[in-house]
Amino acid sequence: MLNNKDEILSELTGILVEMFEVDAADVSVDAHLSDDLDIDSIDAVDLIVRLKELTGKKIAPEEFKSVRTVGHVVEAIQKVMAEQ
């Protein structure tokens, strides 16, 4: 289970490397998804689907509208995981 930011960031880094061939060294909480990692809106939809599989929870696209950085994704996952 994803319990803290470090675990979430580690899992997310693995997903970004696997799905989008991102260099793991480029992934940080400050990395901008589109500018730094070249992840576009279509990729973001694929990422949301993968995160749903990972968390076992439905992630509303609205949760990701304001997501711009890897740190924002981590926060969104934490929020979803905290909800019962």
N, C-alpha and C. Protein backbone atom coordinates (compact mmCIF):
# COMPACT_ATOMS: atom_id res chain seq x y z
N MET A 1 0.85 -1.19 0.00
CA MET A 1 0.00 0.00 0.00
C MET A 1 0.89 1.25 0.00
N LEU A 2 0.42 2.26 -0.63
CA LEU A 2 1.17 3.51 -0.70
C LEU A 2 0.85 4.36 0.52
N ASN A 3 1.80 4.45 1.42
CA ASN A 3 1.53 5.11 2.69
C ASN A 3 2.13 6.50 2.84
N ASN A 4 3.19 6.78 2.10
CA ASN A 4 3.79 8.09 2.28
C ASN A 4 4.31 8.63 0.94
N LYS A 5 4.71 9.89 0.96
CA LYS A 5 5.13 10.55 -0.28
C LYS A 5 6.29 9.83 -0.96
N ASP A 6 7.24 9.33 -0.17
CA ASP A 6 8.39 8.66 -0.76
C ASP A 6 7.98 7.39 -1.51
N GLU A 7 7.08 6.61 -0.90
CA GLU A 7 6.60 5.39 -1.55
C GLU A 7 5.83 5.72 -2.82
N ILE A 8 5.00 6.74 -2.74
CA ILE A 8 4.21 7.16 -3.91
C ILE A 8 5.14 7.65 -5.01
N LEU A 9 6.12 8.48 -4.64
CA LEU A 9 7.05 9.01 -5.63
C LEU A 9 7.85 7.89 -6.28
N SER A 10 8.27 6.92 -5.50
CA SER A 10 9.03 5.79 -6.02
C SER A 10 8.20 4.99 -7.02
N GLU A 11 6.96 4.69 -6.65
CA GLU A 11 6.06 3.93 -7.52
C GLU A 11 5.76 4.73 -8.79
N LEU A 12 5.49 6.02 -8.63
CA LEU A 12 5.18 6.90 -9.76
C LEU A 12 6.37 6.99 -10.71
N THR A 13 7.57 7.09 -10.16
CA THR A 13 8.77 7.14 -10.99
C THR A 13 8.86 5.89 -11.85
N GLY A 14 8.62 4.73 -11.23
CA GLY A 14 8.65 3.48 -11.98
C GLY A 14 7.64 3.46 -13.10
N ILE A 15 6.45 3.96 -12.83
CA ILE A 15 5.40 4.01 -13.85
C ILE A 15 5.79 4.93 -14.99
N LEU A 16 6.33 6.11 -14.66
CA LEU A 16 6.72 7.07 -15.70
C LEU A 16 7.83 6.50 -16.58
N VAL A 17 8.78 5.82 -15.96
CA VAL A 17 9.88 5.21 -16.71
C VAL A 17 9.34 4.11 -17.63
N GLU A 18 8.49 3.25 -17.06
CA GLU A 18 7.94 2.12 -17.82
C GLU A 18 7.02 2.56 -18.95
N MET A 19 6.08 3.44 -18.64
CA MET A 19 5.04 3.79 -19.61
C MET A 19 5.50 4.84 -20.64
N PHE A 20 6.33 5.79 -20.20
CA PHE A 20 6.63 6.93 -21.06
C PHE A 20 8.12 7.08 -21.38
N GLU A 21 8.91 6.06 -20.97
CA GLU A 21 10.35 6.06 -21.23
C GLU A 21 11.03 7.34 -20.73
N VAL A 22 10.56 7.81 -19.59
CA VAL A 22 11.16 8.97 -18.94
C VAL A 22 12.41 8.50 -18.22
N ASP A 23 13.45 9.32 -18.21
CA ASP A 23 14.67 9.00 -17.46
C ASP A 23 14.37 9.19 -15.98
N ALA A 24 14.60 8.15 -15.19
CA ALA A 24 14.30 8.21 -13.75
C ALA A 24 15.00 9.40 -13.08
N ALA A 25 16.17 9.76 -13.58
CA ALA A 25 16.92 10.88 -13.00
C ALA A 25 16.20 12.21 -13.20
N ASP A 26 15.31 12.27 -14.18
CA ASP A 26 14.56 13.51 -14.46
C ASP A 26 13.32 13.66 -13.58
N VAL A 27 12.92 12.58 -12.90
CA VAL A 27 11.71 12.61 -12.10
C VAL A 27 12.02 13.14 -10.70
N SER A 28 11.39 14.26 -10.36
CA SER A 28 11.48 14.84 -9.02
C SER A 28 10.15 15.50 -8.72
N VAL A 29 9.92 15.86 -7.47
CA VAL A 29 8.63 16.48 -7.14
C VAL A 29 8.44 17.80 -7.87
N ASP A 30 9.52 18.43 -8.28
CA ASP A 30 9.42 19.71 -8.98
C ASP A 30 9.36 19.57 -10.49
N ALA A 31 9.54 18.36 -11.01
CA ALA A 31 9.54 18.15 -12.46
C ALA A 31 8.16 18.44 -13.03
N HIS A 32 8.12 19.27 -14.04
CA HIS A 32 6.87 19.63 -14.70
C HIS A 32 6.54 18.53 -15.71
N LEU A 33 5.31 18.01 -15.63
CA LEU A 33 4.92 16.88 -16.46
C LEU A 33 5.10 17.15 -17.95
N SER A 34 4.60 18.26 -18.45
CA SER A 34 4.69 18.49 -19.89
C SER A 34 6.03 19.10 -20.29
N ASP A 35 6.50 20.09 -19.55
CA ASP A 35 7.73 20.77 -19.94
C ASP A 35 8.98 19.93 -19.72
N ASP A 36 9.08 19.25 -18.58
CA ASP A 36 10.29 18.51 -18.24
C ASP A 36 10.24 17.04 -18.67
N LEU A 37 9.04 16.44 -18.62
CA LEU A 37 8.94 15.01 -18.87
C LEU A 37 8.23 14.68 -20.18
N ASP A 38 7.75 15.71 -20.88
CA ASP A 38 7.10 15.53 -22.19
C ASP A 38 5.88 14.63 -22.11
N ILE A 39 5.10 14.78 -21.04
CA ILE A 39 3.86 14.01 -20.88
C ILE A 39 2.70 14.92 -21.26
N ASP A 40 1.97 14.52 -22.31
CA ASP A 40 0.87 15.34 -22.80
C ASP A 40 -0.46 14.88 -22.19
N SER A 41 -1.54 15.50 -22.62
CA SER A 41 -2.85 15.20 -22.03
C SER A 41 -3.29 13.77 -22.30
N ILE A 42 -2.94 13.22 -23.44
CA ILE A 42 -3.28 11.83 -23.74
C ILE A 42 -2.51 10.90 -22.80
N ASP A 43 -1.23 11.20 -22.60
CA ASP A 43 -0.42 10.42 -21.67
C ASP A 43 -1.00 10.51 -20.26
N ALA A 44 -1.50 11.69 -19.90
CA ALA A 44 -2.06 11.88 -18.56
C ALA A 44 -3.27 10.97 -18.33
N VAL A 45 -4.08 10.79 -19.37
CA VAL A 45 -5.24 9.89 -19.26
C VAL A 45 -4.75 8.46 -19.01
N ASP A 46 -3.72 8.04 -19.75
CA ASP A 46 -3.15 6.71 -19.55
C ASP A 46 -2.59 6.58 -18.13
N LEU A 47 -1.98 7.65 -17.64
CA LEU A 47 -1.41 7.65 -16.29
C LEU A 47 -2.53 7.50 -15.25
N ILE A 48 -3.63 8.20 -15.44
CA ILE A 48 -4.76 8.11 -14.51
C ILE A 48 -5.29 6.67 -14.45
N VAL A 49 -5.40 6.04 -15.62
CA VAL A 49 -5.87 4.64 -15.67
C VAL A 49 -4.91 3.75 -14.88
N ARG A 50 -3.61 3.94 -15.07
CA ARG A 50 -2.61 3.13 -14.37
C ARG A 50 -2.66 3.39 -12.86
N LEU A 51 -2.85 4.64 -12.47
CA LEU A 51 -2.92 4.97 -11.05
C LEU A 51 -4.16 4.38 -10.41
N LYS A 52 -5.24 4.27 -11.18
CA LYS A 52 -6.45 3.63 -10.67
C LYS A 52 -6.17 2.17 -10.38
N GLU A 53 -5.44 1.50 -11.28
CA GLU A 53 -5.07 0.11 -11.07
C GLU A 53 -4.19 -0.02 -9.83
N LEU A 54 -3.28 0.92 -9.67
CA LEU A 54 -2.33 0.90 -8.56
C LEU A 54 -3.02 1.11 -7.21
N THR A 55 -3.92 2.08 -7.16
CA THR A 55 -4.56 2.44 -5.89
C THR A 55 -5.81 1.64 -5.61
N GLY A 56 -6.41 1.08 -6.67
CA GLY A 56 -7.67 0.38 -6.50
C GLY A 56 -8.83 1.33 -6.28
N LYS A 57 -8.59 2.61 -6.54
CA LYS A 57 -9.63 3.62 -6.34
C LYS A 57 -9.83 4.40 -7.62
N LYS A 58 -11.05 4.84 -7.81
CA LYS A 58 -11.37 5.66 -8.97
C LYS A 58 -10.77 7.05 -8.76
N ILE A 59 -10.08 7.51 -9.77
CA ILE A 59 -9.48 8.84 -9.71
C ILE A 59 -10.22 9.70 -10.72
N ALA A 60 -10.91 10.70 -10.22
CA ALA A 60 -11.69 11.57 -11.09
C ALA A 60 -10.75 12.45 -11.92
N PRO A 61 -11.04 12.59 -13.21
CA PRO A 61 -10.20 13.46 -14.05
C PRO A 61 -10.11 14.88 -13.49
N GLU A 62 -11.16 15.32 -12.78
CA GLU A 62 -11.14 16.66 -12.20
C GLU A 62 -9.99 16.82 -11.20
N GLU A 63 -9.65 15.70 -10.54
CA GLU A 63 -8.54 15.73 -9.58
C GLU A 63 -7.23 16.10 -10.27
N PHE A 64 -7.16 15.81 -11.57
CA PHE A 64 -5.91 16.02 -12.29
C PHE A 64 -5.90 17.29 -13.14
N LYS A 65 -6.97 18.06 -13.11
CA LYS A 65 -7.00 19.27 -13.93
C LYS A 65 -5.94 20.28 -13.53
N SER A 66 -5.65 20.37 -12.25
CA SER A 66 -4.66 21.35 -11.78
C SER A 66 -3.27 20.75 -11.61
N VAL A 67 -3.12 19.48 -11.96
CA VAL A 67 -1.84 18.80 -11.81
C VAL A 67 -0.88 19.27 -12.89
N ARG A 68 0.27 19.77 -12.46
CA ARG A 68 1.28 20.24 -13.39
C ARG A 68 2.64 19.59 -13.15
N THR A 69 2.90 19.18 -11.91
CA THR A 69 4.21 18.63 -11.58
C THR A 69 4.06 17.22 -11.00
N VAL A 70 5.17 16.53 -10.91
CA VAL A 70 5.18 15.21 -10.28
C VAL A 70 4.69 15.33 -8.84
N GLY A 71 5.09 16.39 -8.15
CA GLY A 71 4.64 16.61 -6.77
C GLY A 71 3.13 16.72 -6.67
N HIS A 72 2.51 17.37 -7.66
CA HIS A 72 1.05 17.48 -7.68
C HIS A 72 0.40 16.10 -7.83
N VAL A 73 1.01 15.24 -8.65
CA VAL A 73 0.48 13.88 -8.82
C VAL A 73 0.57 13.12 -7.50
N VAL A 74 1.71 13.25 -6.82
CA VAL A 74 1.89 12.60 -5.52
C VAL A 74 0.81 13.06 -4.54
N GLU A 75 0.56 14.37 -4.49
CA GLU A 75 -0.47 14.92 -3.59
C GLU A 75 -1.85 14.40 -3.96
N ALA A 76 -2.14 14.32 -5.26
CA ALA A 76 -3.45 13.82 -5.70
C ALA A 76 -3.63 12.36 -5.29
N ILE A 77 -2.57 11.56 -5.41
CA ILE A 77 -2.65 10.16 -5.00
C ILE A 77 -2.85 10.06 -3.51
N GLN A 78 -2.12 10.88 -2.76
CA GLN A 78 -2.29 10.87 -1.29
C GLN A 78 -3.73 11.20 -0.92
N LYS A 79 -4.31 12.18 -1.58
CA LYS A 79 -5.68 12.59 -1.31
C LYS A 79 -6.65 11.44 -1.58
N VAL A 80 -6.48 10.78 -2.72
CA VAL A 80 -7.34 9.65 -3.08
C VAL A 80 -7.19 8.51 -2.09
N MET A 81 -5.95 8.23 -1.69
CA MET A 81 -5.69 7.13 -0.77
C MET A 81 -6.27 7.41 0.63
N ALA A 82 -6.35 8.69 0.99
CA ALA A 82 -6.87 9.06 2.32
C ALA A 82 -8.38 8.96 2.38
N GLU A 83 -9.03 9.02 1.22
CA GLU A 83 -10.49 8.93 1.19
C GLU A 83 -10.93 7.50 1.39
N GLN A 84 -12.00 7.33 2.14
CA GLN A 84 -12.50 5.97 2.41
C GLN A 84 -13.66 5.65 1.48
